[in-house]
């Protein structure tokens, strides 16, 4: 997982999903898993690959 912390989630996300927009942290460049270093969503990892993301907001009225 060291490559992920240095180069972002692109290494762990299927290339077909690199263009999908995701929320990012701070002043990082990019808005997609293919070009950002820090996604704000929590990753769902199966067999070393990010297969989904989720966000927990206990005060949200969305269910």
Protein backbone atom coordinates (compact mmCIF):
# COMPACT_ATOMS: atom_id res chain seq x y z
CA UNK A 1 0.00 0.00 0.00
CA UNK A 2 3.00 2.32 0.12
CA UNK A 3 2.53 3.27 -3.56
CA UNK A 4 -0.98 4.46 -2.73
CA UNK A 5 0.23 6.87 -0.07
CA UNK A 6 2.84 8.30 -2.43
CA UNK A 7 0.89 8.43 -5.71
CA UNK A 8 -2.78 8.34 -4.79
CA UNK A 9 -5.59 5.87 -5.44
CA UNK A 10 -4.97 5.44 -9.20
CA UNK A 11 -2.81 2.38 -8.51
CA UNK A 12 -5.68 0.64 -6.74
CA UNK A 13 -8.63 1.71 -8.92
CA UNK A 14 -9.61 -0.02 -12.16
CA UNK A 15 -8.48 2.21 -15.04
CA UNK A 16 -12.03 2.25 -16.41
CA UNK A 17 -13.01 4.22 -13.28
CA UNK A 18 -10.16 6.77 -13.30
CA UNK A 19 -12.38 9.51 -14.81
CA UNK A 20 -15.21 9.23 -12.26
CA UNK A 21 -15.39 12.38 -10.11
CA UNK A 22 -14.94 12.03 -6.36
CA UNK A 23 -14.60 14.55 -3.51
CA UNK A 24 -10.95 15.31 -2.68
CA UNK A 25 -9.10 16.68 0.36
CA UNK A 26 -7.46 20.05 0.63
CA UNK A 27 -5.55 21.74 -2.15
CA UNK A 28 -4.78 18.60 -4.14
CA UNK A 29 -5.03 18.68 -7.90
CA UNK A 30 -7.67 16.70 -9.71
CA UNK A 31 -11.15 15.47 -9.02
CA UNK A 32 -10.88 11.83 -10.06
CA UNK A 33 -9.22 8.68 -8.67
CA UNK A 34 -6.90 8.80 -11.67
CA UNK A 35 -5.46 12.24 -10.96
CA UNK A 36 -5.78 13.07 -7.25
CA UNK A 37 -3.73 11.93 -4.27
CA UNK A 38 -6.39 12.18 -1.57
CA UNK A 39 -10.05 11.14 -1.82
CA UNK A 40 -12.31 12.21 1.05
CA UNK A 41 -14.44 9.08 0.84
CA UNK A 42 -13.50 5.87 2.62
CA UNK A 43 -12.41 3.09 0.32
CA UNK A 44 -13.86 -0.41 0.10
CA UNK A 45 -10.89 -2.64 -0.74
CA UNK A 46 -11.12 -6.23 -1.98
CA UNK A 47 -8.00 -8.19 -2.87
CA UNK A 48 -5.87 -5.04 -2.92
CA UNK A 49 -8.15 -3.03 -5.24
CA UNK A 50 -10.52 -0.16 -4.45
CA UNK A 51 -13.92 -1.42 -5.58
CA UNK A 52 -16.12 1.22 -3.98
CA UNK A 53 -16.28 4.17 -1.62
CA UNK A 54 -18.55 5.26 1.19
CA UNK A 55 -19.07 8.19 3.55
CA UNK A 56 -20.63 8.09 7.00
CA UNK A 57 -22.47 11.23 8.10
CA UNK A 58 -24.45 10.49 11.28
CA UNK A 59 -26.13 13.92 11.31
CA UNK A 60 -27.38 13.64 7.74
CA UNK A 61 -31.10 13.24 7.14
CA UNK A 62 -30.37 11.11 4.04
CA UNK A 63 -30.91 7.37 4.50
